[in-house]
C-alpha atoms as a PDB file:
ATOM      1  CA  MET A   1     106.970 111.919 142.836  1.00  0.00           C
ATOM      2  CA  PRO A   2     103.289 110.338 143.643  1.00  0.00           C
ATOM      3  CA  ILE A   3     103.525 106.769 144.700  1.00  0.00           C
ATOM      4  CA  LEU A   4     101.319 103.959 143.678  1.00  0.00           C
ATOM      5  CA  GLY A   5      99.985 103.532 147.383  1.00  0.00           C
ATOM      6  CA  GLU A   6      98.546 106.923 147.454  1.00  0.00           C
ATOM      7  CA  PHE A   7      95.899 106.108 144.804  1.00  0.00           C
ATOM      8  CA  PRO A   8      92.927 103.894 145.724  1.00  0.00           C
ATOM      9  CA  PRO A   9      92.708 100.731 143.565  1.00  0.00           C
ATOM     10  CA  LEU A  10      89.187 101.439 142.143  1.00  0.00           C
ATOM     11  CA  ILE A  11      90.937 104.303 140.016  1.00  0.00           C
ATOM     12  CA  PHE A  12      92.984 101.817 138.331  1.00  0.00           C
ATOM     13  CA  ARG A  13      90.308  99.428 138.218  1.00  0.00           C
ATOM     14  CA  ILE A  14      88.224 101.890 136.251  1.00  0.00           C
ATOM     15  CA  PHE A  15      90.316 103.850 134.074  1.00  0.00           C
ATOM     16  CA  GLY A  16      92.542 100.900 133.042  1.00  0.00           C
ATOM     17  CA  PRO A  17      89.643  98.884 131.224  1.00  0.00           C
ATOM     18  CA  LEU A  18      88.351 101.882 129.422  1.00  0.00           C
ATOM     19  CA  PHE A  19      92.247 102.750 128.407  1.00  0.00           C
ATOM     20  CA  GLY A  20      92.159  99.184 126.864  1.00  0.00           C
ATOM     21  CA  LEU A  21      88.921  99.313 125.133  1.00  0.00           C
ATOM     22  CA  LEU A  22      89.665 102.576 123.331  1.00  0.00           C
ATOM     23  CA  TRP A  23      93.072 100.865 122.259  1.00  0.00           C
ATOM     24  CA  GLY A  24      90.930  98.127 121.173  1.00  0.00           C
ATOM     25  CA  SER A  25      88.906  99.710 119.035  1.00  0.00           C
ATOM     26  CA  PHE A  26      92.273 100.819 117.184  1.00  0.00           C
ATOM     27  CA  LEU A  27      93.258  97.226 116.808  1.00  0.00           C
ATOM     28  CA  ASN A  28      90.255  96.630 114.487  1.00  0.00           C
ATOM     29  CA  VAL A  29      91.931  99.347 112.385  1.00  0.00           C
ATOM     30  CA  VAL A  30      95.375  97.261 112.684  1.00  0.00           C
ATOM     31  CA  ILE A  31      93.583  94.052 111.992  1.00  0.00           C
ATOM     32  CA  HIS A  32      91.547  95.461 108.938  1.00  0.00           C
ATOM     33  CA  ARG A  33      94.210  97.566 107.269  1.00  0.00           C
ATOM     34  CA  VAL A  34      97.733  96.004 107.716  1.00  0.00           C
ATOM     35  CA  PRO A  35      97.334  92.874 105.707  1.00  0.00           C
ATOM     36  CA  ALA A  36      95.787  95.205 102.715  1.00  0.00           C
ATOM     37  CA  GLY A  37      98.844  97.284 102.683  1.00  0.00           C
ATOM     38  CA  MET A  38      96.844 100.350 103.946  1.00  0.00           C
ATOM     39  CA  SER A  39      97.971 102.810 106.220  1.00  0.00           C
ATOM     40  CA  VAL A  40      96.355 102.707 109.904  1.00  0.00           C
ATOM     41  CA  VAL A  41      96.577 106.369 110.412  1.00  0.00           C
ATOM     42  CA  LYS A  42      94.864 108.148 106.666  1.00  0.00           C
ATOM     43  CA  PRO A  43      92.197 107.653 105.883  1.00  0.00           C
ATOM     44  CA  PRO A  44      89.859 108.170 109.127  1.00  0.00           C
ATOM     45  CA  SER A  45      87.564 105.446 110.076  1.00  0.00           C
ATOM     46  CA  HIS A  46      85.138 104.870 107.326  1.00  0.00           C
ATOM     47  CA  CYS A  47      82.267 102.065 106.455  1.00  0.00           C
ATOM     48  CA  PRO A  48      84.213  99.362 104.600  1.00  0.00           C
ATOM     49  CA  ALA A  49      80.959  98.760 102.636  1.00  0.00           C
ATOM     50  CA  CYS A  50      79.916 102.681 101.515  1.00  0.00           C
ATOM     51  CA  ASN A  51      83.096 104.600 102.738  1.00  0.00           C
ATOM     52  CA  ALA A  52      81.260 106.604 104.411  1.00  0.00           C
ATOM     53  CA  PRO A  53      83.127 108.350 107.707  1.00  0.00           C
ATOM     54  CA  VAL A  54      82.206 106.902 110.783  1.00  0.00           C
ATOM     55  CA  GLN A  55      80.920 109.446 113.298  1.00  0.00           C
ATOM     56  CA  ILE A  56      82.541 109.677 116.827  1.00  0.00           C
ATOM     57  CA  PHE A  57      79.222 108.436 118.626  1.00  0.00           C
ATOM     58  CA  ASP A  58      79.097 105.709 116.311  1.00  0.00           C
ATOM     59  CA  ASN A  59      82.612 104.509 117.191  1.00  0.00           C
ATOM     60  CA  LEU A  60      82.217 103.951 121.007  1.00  0.00           C
ATOM     61  CA  PRO A  61      84.016 100.644 121.662  1.00  0.00           C
ATOM     62  CA  VAL A  62      81.220  97.742 122.350  1.00  0.00           C
ATOM     63  CA  VAL A  63      78.507  99.914 123.181  1.00  0.00           C
ATOM     64  CA  SER A  64      78.271 101.547 119.512  1.00  0.00           C
ATOM     65  CA  TRP A  65      77.565  97.997 117.836  1.00  0.00           C
ATOM     66  CA  LEU A  66      75.100  96.925 120.325  1.00  0.00           C
ATOM     67  CA  LEU A  67      73.100 100.294 120.028  1.00  0.00           C
ATOM     68  CA  LEU A  68      73.452 100.096 116.228  1.00  0.00           C
ATOM     69  CA  ARG A  69      72.334  96.123 116.095  1.00  0.00           C
ATOM     70  CA  GLY A  70      75.523  95.159 114.351  1.00  0.00           C
ATOM     71  CA  LYS A  71      74.525  97.204 111.331  1.00  0.00           C
ATOM     72  CA  ALA A  72      76.150 100.214 109.837  1.00  0.00           C
ATOM     73  CA  ARG A  73      74.196 103.287 110.357  1.00  0.00           C
ATOM     74  CA  CYS A  74      75.265 104.858 107.142  1.00  0.00           C
ATOM     75  CA  CYS A  75      74.221 102.197 104.758  1.00  0.00           C
ATOM     76  CA  GLY A  76      72.816  99.013 106.942  1.00  0.00           C
ATOM     77  CA  ALA A  77      76.096  96.708 106.045  1.00  0.00           C
ATOM     78  CA  PRO A  78      76.755  94.059 108.771  1.00  0.00           C
ATOM     79  CA  ILE A  79      79.103  94.911 111.003  1.00  0.00           C
ATOM     80  CA  SER A  80      81.278  91.802 112.153  1.00  0.00           C
ATOM     81  CA  PRO A  81      81.305  90.672 115.652  1.00  0.00           C
ATOM     82  CA  ARG A  82      84.772  90.672 115.751  1.00  0.00           C
ATOM     83  CA  TYR A  83      84.899  94.411 116.003  1.00  0.00           C
ATOM     84  CA  PRO A  84      83.233  94.382 119.759  1.00  0.00           C
ATOM     85  CA  LEU A  85      84.937  91.408 120.480  1.00  0.00           C
ATOM     86  CA  VAL A  86      88.418  92.968 119.996  1.00  0.00           C
ATOM     87  CA  GLU A  87      87.265  95.888 121.742  1.00  0.00           C
ATOM     88  CA  ALA A  88      86.142  93.774 124.605  1.00  0.00           C
ATOM     89  CA  MET A  89      89.381  91.811 124.598  1.00  0.00           C
ATOM     90  CA  GLY A  90      91.325  95.052 124.902  1.00  0.00           C
ATOM     91  CA  GLY A  91      89.108  96.261 127.908  1.00  0.00           C
ATOM     92  CA  LEU A  92      89.733  92.638 129.741  1.00  0.00           C
ATOM     93  CA  LEU A  93      93.317  92.368 129.090  1.00  0.00           C
ATOM     94  CA  ALA A  94      93.815  95.825 130.640  1.00  0.00           C
ATOM     95  CA  TRP A  95      91.800  94.958 133.482  1.00  0.00           C
ATOM     96  CA  ALA A  96      93.467  91.778 133.978  1.00  0.00           C
ATOM     97  CA  ILE A  97      97.052  93.653 133.834  1.00  0.00           C
ATOM     98  CA  VAL A  98      95.656  96.185 136.516  1.00  0.00           C
ATOM     99  CA  GLU A  99      94.560  93.124 138.957  1.00  0.00           C
ATOM    100  CA  ILE A 100      97.573  91.089 138.285  1.00  0.00           C
ATOM    101  CA  VAL A 101     100.483  93.062 137.787  1.00  0.00           C
ATOM    102  CA  ILE A 102     100.046  96.762 138.477  1.00  0.00           C
ATOM    103  CA  LEU A 103      98.254  96.520 142.060  1.00  0.00           C
ATOM    104  CA  ARG A 104     100.600  93.793 143.412  1.00  0.00           C
ATOM    105  CA  LEU A 105     103.637  95.980 142.801  1.00  0.00           C
ATOM    106  CA  PRO A 106     104.941  97.523 146.296  1.00  0.00           C
ATOM    107  CA  PRO A 107     102.869 100.454 147.390  1.00  0.00           C
ATOM    108  CA  ASP A 108     106.138 102.749 147.119  1.00  0.00           C
ATOM    109  CA  THR A 109     106.226 102.319 143.432  1.00  0.00           C
ATOM    110  CA  SER A 110     106.356 105.553 141.918  1.00  0.00           C
ATOM    111  CA  LEU A 111     102.951 106.096 140.050  1.00  0.00           C
ATOM    112  CA  GLY A 112     105.226 106.854 136.898  1.00  0.00           C
ATOM    113  CA  ARG A 113     106.709 103.385 137.029  1.00  0.00           C
ATOM    114  CA  ALA A 114     104.014 101.783 137.640  1.00  0.00           C
ATOM    115  CA  LEU A 115     102.013 103.601 134.442  1.00  0.00           C
ATOM    116  CA  ALA A 116     105.135 102.603 132.376  1.00  0.00           C
ATOM    117  CA  ILE A 117     104.632  99.201 133.138  1.00  0.00           C
ATOM    118  CA  PHE A 118     101.083  98.921 132.479  1.00  0.00           C
ATOM    119  CA  GLY A 119     101.478 100.658 129.174  1.00  0.00           C
ATOM    120  CA  ALA A 120     104.403  98.203 127.984  1.00  0.00           C
ATOM    121  CA  ASP A 121     102.279  95.113 129.208  1.00  0.00           C
ATOM    122  CA  LEU A 122      99.058  96.456 127.425  1.00  0.00           C
ATOM    123  CA  ALA A 123     101.060  97.428 124.441  1.00  0.00           C
ATOM    124  CA  LEU A 124     102.432  93.562 124.565  1.00  0.00           C
ATOM    125  CA  ALA A 125      98.851  92.105 125.098  1.00  0.00           C
ATOM    126  CA  LEU A 126      97.116  94.194 122.324  1.00  0.00           C
ATOM    127  CA  ALA A 127     100.077  93.628 120.036  1.00  0.00           C
ATOM    128  CA  LEU A 128      99.268  89.805 120.439  1.00  0.00           C
ATOM    129  CA  VAL A 129      95.682  90.068 119.874  1.00  0.00           C
ATOM    130  CA  ALA A 130      96.300  92.013 116.582  1.00  0.00           C
ATOM    131  CA  ALA A 131      98.569  89.344 115.481  1.00  0.00           C
ATOM    132  CA  SER A 132      96.442  86.615 116.257  1.00  0.00           C
ATOM    133  CA  PHE A 133      93.507  87.801 114.310  1.00  0.00           C
ATOM    134  CA  ILE A 134      95.747  88.831 111.481  1.00  0.00           C
ATOM    135  CA  ASP A 135      97.137  84.862 111.455  1.00  0.00           C
ATOM    136  CA  ILE A 136      93.804  83.398 111.832  1.00  0.00           C
ATOM    137  CA  GLU A 137      92.531  85.322 108.696  1.00  0.00           C
ATOM    138  CA  HIS A 138      95.687  85.361 106.903  1.00  0.00           C
ATOM    139  CA  LEU A 139      98.063  82.502 107.990  1.00  0.00           C
ATOM    140  CA  TYR A 140     101.044  85.203 108.732  1.00  0.00           C
ATOM    141  CA  ILE A 141     102.216  87.743 111.360  1.00  0.00           C
ATOM    142  CA  PRO A 142     103.173  91.123 110.349  1.00  0.00           C
ATOM    143  CA  ASP A 143     107.043  91.856 111.442  1.00  0.00           C
ATOM    144  CA  GLY A 144     106.110  94.923 112.731  1.00  0.00           C
ATOM    145  CA  ILE A 145     104.349  93.100 115.666  1.00  0.00           C
ATOM    146  CA  SER A 146     106.624  90.263 115.896  1.00  0.00           C
ATOM    147  CA  LEU A 147     109.996  92.453 115.599  1.00  0.00           C
ATOM    148  CA  GLY A 148     108.744  95.520 116.957  1.00  0.00           C
ATOM    149  CA  GLY A 149     107.437  93.684 120.223  1.00  0.00           C
ATOM    150  CA  ALA A 150     110.959  92.382 120.658  1.00  0.00           C
ATOM    151  CA  VAL A 151     112.436  95.395 120.426  1.00  0.00           C
ATOM    152  CA  LEU A 152     110.112  96.706 123.018  1.00  0.00           C
ATOM    153  CA  GLY A 153     110.762  94.000 125.197  1.00  0.00           C
ATOM    154  CA  PHE A 154     114.533  94.758 125.072  1.00  0.00           C
ATOM    155  CA  LEU A 155     113.939  98.209 125.595  1.00  0.00           C
ATOM    156  CA  THR A 156     111.609  97.641 128.827  1.00  0.00           C
ATOM    157  CA  THR A 157     113.799  95.149 130.364  1.00  0.00           C
ATOM    158  CA  SER A 158     114.042  97.155 133.702  1.00  0.00           C
ATOM    159  CA  PHE A 159     110.567  96.548 134.334  1.00  0.00           C
ATOM    160  CA  ARG A 160     111.158  92.719 135.015  1.00  0.00           C
ATOM    161  CA  PRO A 161     113.906  92.301 137.187  1.00  0.00           C
ATOM    162  CA  PRO A 162     115.787  90.115 138.058  1.00  0.00           C
ATOM    163  CA  LEU A 163     116.471  89.695 134.111  1.00  0.00           C
ATOM    164  CA  THR A 164     118.964  91.913 132.420  1.00  0.00           C
ATOM    165  CA  HIS A 165     119.329  93.271 129.140  1.00  0.00           C
ATOM    166  CA  ALA A 166     121.742  90.321 128.285  1.00  0.00           C
ATOM    167  CA  ASP A 167     119.040  87.849 129.895  1.00  0.00           C
ATOM    168  CA  THR A 168     116.455  89.207 127.104  1.00  0.00           C
ATOM    169  CA  ALA A 169     119.115  89.397 124.125  1.00  0.00           C
ATOM    170  CA  LEU A 170     120.045  85.655 124.916  1.00  0.00           C
ATOM    171  CA  GLY A 171     116.351  84.844 125.042  1.00  0.00           C
ATOM    172  CA  ALA A 172     114.937  86.394 122.044  1.00  0.00           C
ATOM    173  CA  LEU A 173     118.158  84.598 120.364  1.00  0.00           C
ATOM    174  CA  GLY A 174     117.667  81.487 121.890  1.00  0.00           C
ATOM    175  CA  GLY A 175     113.931  81.594 121.584  1.00  0.00           C
ATOM    176  CA  PHE A 176     114.166  82.149 117.801  1.00  0.00           C
ATOM    177  CA  LEU A 177     116.593  79.245 117.489  1.00  0.00           C
ATOM    178  CA  LEU A 178     114.602  77.223 119.409  1.00  0.00           C
ATOM    179  CA  VAL A 179     111.896  77.276 116.864  1.00  0.00           C
ATOM    180  CA  TRP A 180     114.021  77.794 113.423  1.00  0.00           C
ATOM    181  CA  LEU A 181     116.801  75.211 113.713  1.00  0.00           C
ATOM    182  CA  PRO A 182     114.609  72.094 114.048  1.00  0.00           C
ATOM    183  CA  PHE A 183     111.442  73.360 112.214  1.00  0.00           C
ATOM    184  CA  ASP A 184     113.043  74.974 109.727  1.00  0.00           C
ATOM    185  CA  VAL A 185     116.592  74.091 108.723  1.00  0.00           C
ATOM    186  CA  LEU A 186     116.281  70.451 109.925  1.00  0.00           C
ATOM    187  CA  TYR A 187     112.615  69.776 108.880  1.00  0.00           C
ATOM    188  CA  ARG A 188     113.701  71.390 105.481  1.00  0.00           C
ATOM    189  CA  LYS A 189     116.346  69.045 104.925  1.00  0.00           C
ATOM    190  CA  LEU A 190     114.071  66.231 105.958  1.00  0.00           C
ATOM    191  CA  ARG A 191     111.019  66.876 104.008  1.00  0.00           C
ATOM    192  CA  GLY A 192     112.169  69.453 101.337  1.00  0.00           C
ATOM    193  CA  ARG A 193     109.915  72.309 102.815  1.00  0.00           C
ATOM    194  CA  THR A 194     109.777  74.214 106.072  1.00  0.00           C
ATOM    195  CA  GLY A 195     107.748  72.684 108.977  1.00  0.00           C
ATOM    196  CA  ILE A 196     106.743  75.890 110.713  1.00  0.00           C
ATOM    197  CA  ALA A 197     106.365  79.740 109.608  1.00  0.00           C
ATOM    198  CA  MET A 198     109.068  82.434 110.526  1.00  0.00           C
ATOM    199  CA  GLY A 199     106.442  84.467 111.920  1.00  0.00           C
ATOM    200  CA  ASP A 200     106.190  81.825 114.408  1.00  0.00           C
ATOM    201  CA  ALA A 201     109.827  81.732 115.341  1.00  0.00           C
ATOM    202  CA  LYS A 202     109.672  85.656 115.774  1.00  0.00           C
ATOM    203  CA  LEU A 203     106.724  85.344 118.086  1.00  0.00           C
ATOM    204  CA  VAL A 204     108.816  82.811 120.232  1.00  0.00           C
ATOM    205  CA  MET A 205     111.851  85.027 120.052  1.00  0.00           C
ATOM    206  CA  LEU A 206     109.366  87.965 121.236  1.00  0.00           C
ATOM    207  CA  ALA A 207     108.892  85.795 124.338  1.00  0.00           C
ATOM    208  CA  GLY A 208     112.635  85.499 124.594  1.00  0.00           C
ATOM    209  CA  ALA A 209     112.927  89.391 124.335  1.00  0.00           C
ATOM    210  CA  TRP A 210     110.294  89.844 126.987  1.00  0.00           C
ATOM    211  CA  PHE A 211     110.936  86.942 129.481  1.00  0.00           C
ATOM    212  CA  GLY A 212     114.298  85.312 128.941  1.00  0.00           C
ATOM    213  CA  PHE A 213     114.876  82.037 127.488  1.00  0.00           C
ATOM    214  CA  ARG A 214     112.704  80.254 130.375  1.00  0.00           C
ATOM    215  CA  GLY A 215     109.941  82.305 129.230  1.00  0.00           C
ATOM    216  CA  ALA A 216     110.684  81.513 125.782  1.00  0.00           C
ATOM    217  CA  GLY A 217     110.824  77.779 126.503  1.00  0.00           C
ATOM    218  CA  PHE A 218     107.438  77.846 128.566  1.00  0.00           C
ATOM    219  CA  VAL A 219     105.687  79.869 125.370  1.00  0.00           C
ATOM    220  CA  PHE A 220     106.861  77.196 122.950  1.00  0.00           C
ATOM    221  CA  LEU A 221     105.902  74.255 124.774  1.00  0.00           C
ATOM    222  CA  ALA A 222     102.491  75.734 126.400  1.00  0.00           C
ATOM    223  CA  GLY A 223     101.748  77.081 122.559  1.00  0.00           C
ATOM    224  CA  ALA A 224     102.476  73.968 121.128  1.00  0.00           C
ATOM    225  CA  PHE A 225     100.312  71.801 123.668  1.00  0.00           C
ATOM    226  CA  GLN A 226      97.327  74.012 123.279  1.00  0.00           C
ATOM    227  CA  GLY A 227      97.676  74.249 119.416  1.00  0.00           C
ATOM    228  CA  THR A 228      97.905  70.409 119.171  1.00  0.00           C
ATOM    229  CA  ILE A 229      94.489  69.970 121.144  1.00  0.00           C
ATOM    230  CA  ALA A 230      93.028  72.466 118.942  1.00  0.00           C
ATOM    231  CA  ALA A 231      94.069  70.851 115.966  1.00  0.00           C
ATOM    232  CA  VAL A 232      92.876  67.335 116.821  1.00  0.00           C
ATOM    233  CA  LEU A 233      89.466  68.690 117.646  1.00  0.00           C
ATOM    234  CA  GLN A 234      88.869  70.442 114.650  1.00  0.00           C
ATOM    235  CA  PHE A 235      90.163  67.327 112.885  1.00  0.00           C
ATOM    236  CA  ILE A 236      87.449  65.102 114.927  1.00  0.00           C
ATOM    237  CA  VAL A 237      84.661  67.615 114.099  1.00  0.00           C
ATOM    238  CA  LYS A 238      85.250  68.594 110.395  1.00  0.00           C
ATOM    239  CA  GLY A 239      87.719  65.649 109.661  1.00  0.00           C
ATOM    240  CA  LYS A 240      90.258  67.831 108.200  1.00  0.00           C
ATOM    241  CA  LEU A 241      91.919  71.117 108.864  1.00  0.00           C
ATOM    242  CA  GLU A 242      90.786  74.334 106.474  1.00  0.00           C
ATOM    243  CA  ASP A 243      92.812  77.061 105.422  1.00  0.00           C
ATOM    244  CA  PRO A 244      91.162  80.432 105.984  1.00  0.00           C
ATOM    245  CA  ALA A 245      88.454  81.644 103.702  1.00  0.00           C
ATOM    246  CA  VAL A 246      90.419  84.857 102.847  1.00  0.00           C
ATOM    247  CA  VAL A 247      93.463  82.901 102.207  1.00  0.00           C
ATOM    248  CA  GLN A 248      91.719  80.293  99.845  1.00  0.00           C
ATOM    249  CA  ARG A 249      90.358  83.185  97.788  1.00  0.00           C
ATOM    250  CA  GLU A 250      93.943  84.808  97.677  1.00  0.00           C
ATOM    251  CA  ARG A 251      95.287  81.626  96.479  1.00  0.00           C
ATOM    252  CA  GLU A 252      92.879  81.033  94.008  1.00  0.00           C
ATOM    253  CA  ALA A 253      93.103  84.453  92.442  1.00  0.00           C
ATOM    254  CA  ILE A 254      96.871  84.237  92.183  1.00  0.00           C
ATOM    255  CA  LEU A 255      96.268  80.660  90.502  1.00  0.00           C
ATOM    256  CA  ALA A 256      94.017  82.410  87.953  1.00  0.00           C
ATOM    257  CA  GLU A 257      96.556  85.117  87.357  1.00  0.00           C
ATOM    258  CA  ILE A 258      99.190  82.378  86.747  1.00  0.00           C
ATOM    259  CA  ALA A 259      96.639  80.637  84.516  1.00  0.00           C
ATOM    260  CA  ALA A 260      96.346  83.837  82.339  1.00  0.00           C
ATOM    261  CA  LEU A 261     100.078  84.149  81.487  1.00  0.00           C
ATOM    262  CA  PRO A 262     101.876  82.465  78.571  1.00  0.00           C
ATOM    263  CA  PRO A 263     103.099  78.721  79.356  1.00  0.00           C
ATOM    264  CA  GLU A 264     106.621  79.987  79.712  1.00  0.00           C
ATOM    265  CA  GLU A 265     105.713  82.247  82.585  1.00  0.00           C
ATOM    266  CA  GLN A 266     103.278  80.032  83.956  1.00  0.00           C
ATOM    267  CA  ALA A 267     106.332  77.232  84.357  1.00  0.00           C
ATOM    268  CA  ILE A 268     108.447  80.001  86.008  1.00  0.00           C
ATOM    269  CA  ALA A 269     105.606  81.240  88.114  1.00  0.00           C
ATOM    270  CA  ARG A 270     104.376  77.669  89.496  1.00  0.00           C
ATOM    271  CA  GLU A 271     108.060  76.800  90.229  1.00  0.00           C
ATOM    272  CA  GLU A 272     108.058  79.978  92.569  1.00  0.00           C
ATOM    273  CA  LEU A 273     105.020  78.975  94.353  1.00  0.00           C
ATOM    274  CA  LYS A 274     106.612  75.913  95.484  1.00  0.00           C
ATOM    275  CA  GLU A 275     108.459  78.131  98.115  1.00  0.00           C
ATOM    276  CA  ASP A 276     105.219  79.480  99.429  1.00  0.00           C
ATOM    277  CA  PRO A 277     104.055  77.179 102.294  1.00  0.00           C
ATOM    278  CA  LEU A 278     100.312  78.271 101.236  1.00  0.00           C
ATOM    279  CA  PHE A 279     100.790  76.474  97.911  1.00  0.00           C
ATOM    280  CA  GLU A 280     101.895  73.285  99.516  1.00  0.00           C
ATOM    281  CA  GLU A 281      99.861  69.970  98.317  1.00  0.00           C
ATOM    282  CA  GLY A 282      98.570  68.422 101.406  1.00  0.00           C
ATOM    283  CA  GLY A 283      95.679  67.326 103.371  1.00  0.00           C
ATOM    284  CA  GLY A 284      94.261  65.327 106.266  1.00  0.00           C
ATOM    285  CA  ALA A 285      96.260  66.035 109.672  1.00  0.00           C
ATOM    286  CA  LEU A 286      99.778  66.216 108.414  1.00  0.00           C
ATOM    287  CA  GLY A 287      99.502  68.382 105.300  1.00  0.00           C
ATOM    288  CA  ALA A 288      97.140  70.783 106.451  1.00  0.00           C
ATOM    289  CA  ARG A 289      97.928  74.210 107.519  1.00  0.00           C
ATOM    290  CA  MET A 290      96.526  76.016 110.665  1.00  0.00           C
ATOM    291  CA  PRO A 291      97.386  79.526 112.233  1.00  0.00           C
ATOM    292  CA  PHE A 292     100.016  78.592 115.175  1.00  0.00           C
ATOM    293  CA  GLY A 293     100.443  82.257 116.166  1.00  0.00           C
ATOM    294  CA  PRO A 294      97.284  82.492 118.194  1.00  0.00           C
ATOM    295  CA  PHE A 295      98.368  79.591 120.484  1.00  0.00           C
ATOM    296  CA  LEU A 296     101.755  81.491 121.021  1.00  0.00           C
ATOM    297  CA  ALA A 297     100.267  84.542 121.645  1.00  0.00           C
ATOM    298  CA  LEU A 298      97.758  82.649 124.003  1.00  0.00           C
ATOM    299  CA  ALA A 299     100.823  81.328 125.759  1.00  0.00           C
ATOM    300  CA  ILE A 300     103.007  84.694 125.999  1.00  0.00           C
ATOM    301  CA  LEU A 301      99.582  86.369 127.842  1.00  0.00           C
ATOM    302  CA  GLU A 302      99.367  83.324 130.098  1.00  0.00           C
ATOM    303  CA  TYR A 303     103.071  83.958 131.009  1.00  0.00           C
ATOM    304  CA  LEU A 304     103.006  87.670 131.473  1.00  0.00           C
ATOM    305  CA  LEU A 305      99.853  87.110 133.688  1.00  0.00           C
ATOM    306  CA  VAL A 306     100.395  83.904 135.695  1.00  0.00           C
ATOM    307  CA  GLY A 307     103.300  81.677 134.244  1.00  0.00           C
ATOM    308  CA  ARG A 308     106.070  83.018 136.026  1.00  0.00           C
ATOM    309  CA  ASP A 309     104.035  82.448 139.274  1.00  0.00           C
ATOM    310  CA  TRP A 310     103.320  79.214 138.397  1.00  0.00           C
ATOM    311  CA  LEU A 311     106.954  78.378 137.352  1.00  0.00           C
ATOM    312  CA  ASP A 312     108.273  79.499 140.555  1.00  0.00           C
ATOM    313  CA  SER A 313     105.683  77.650 142.676  1.00  0.00           C
ATOM    314  CA  TYR A 314     105.885  74.200 140.880  1.00  0.00           C
ATOM    315  CA  LEU A 315     109.550  74.223 139.481  1.00  0.00           C
ATOM    316  CA  GLY A 316     111.498  76.889 141.457  1.00  0.00           C
ATOM    317  CA  SER A 317     112.858  80.137 140.550  1.00  0.00           C
ATOM    318  CA  SER A 318     116.030  78.664 139.587  1.00  0.00           C
ATOM    319  CA  TRP A 319     114.448  76.833 136.679  1.00  0.00           C
END
């Protein structure tokens, strides 16, 4: 069995980011189609504006967008800068995992184990990118990402010694309860509504399944700190926190449908909407809604790449 030390680091530094770029391109499909309830496999890549198939040479990560100057070849429709951004993030995250995780493994690590660690960590990183962009645009995190990521974390526990399966199982449960109990159960009793989306609690659960309860605690605290700073800055600049444009349009469409119903059905529908946090009344800093998932995702990536070393250095490995 080949070992890691038999291969020059340059090989990993070249092929790792290229692999990340390719999967970053797939992430754009996930981000666009999953919220719409579409398959991520069928149909093949096509132009959202005119439905023309996208040719292979027009689907090269980052490069094609630059060569096409941000416009579709088929109809000239603008292509969102999000596409090359997500692709670039895939490549950069793959490079970071190679540098910080893979090349720091003992040289006698088997190549198969090193590739398995790289694949698992990259899958986590890319899933977090997809979850972040979906949450930014639609204010929700698909269960397939949060719950699927938690399962993957539990199954790959052997890659993260000295954690055991008991550590990751308890970490997942503890991470979920850390958010769910105070911000859903208690907050609901105090104010009559939830204080946090369940998707966020499931992301902290994912962190626990990957890194144990210590990792879940780090992710929750770091995510809350970074999210608070972002909220304060946005409130200072804009004077309020605004829902994403997509969410506003979806809400307006639902309200228009309800307005067209008979009065009796309208009353029932509006009563049901009271349980949906997207239809809560509010304004200013306390009543506003903003995606918390991206800050939790950022904290998970921070822990994956540097958090464990930081905690061990400053707080001790027994923390």
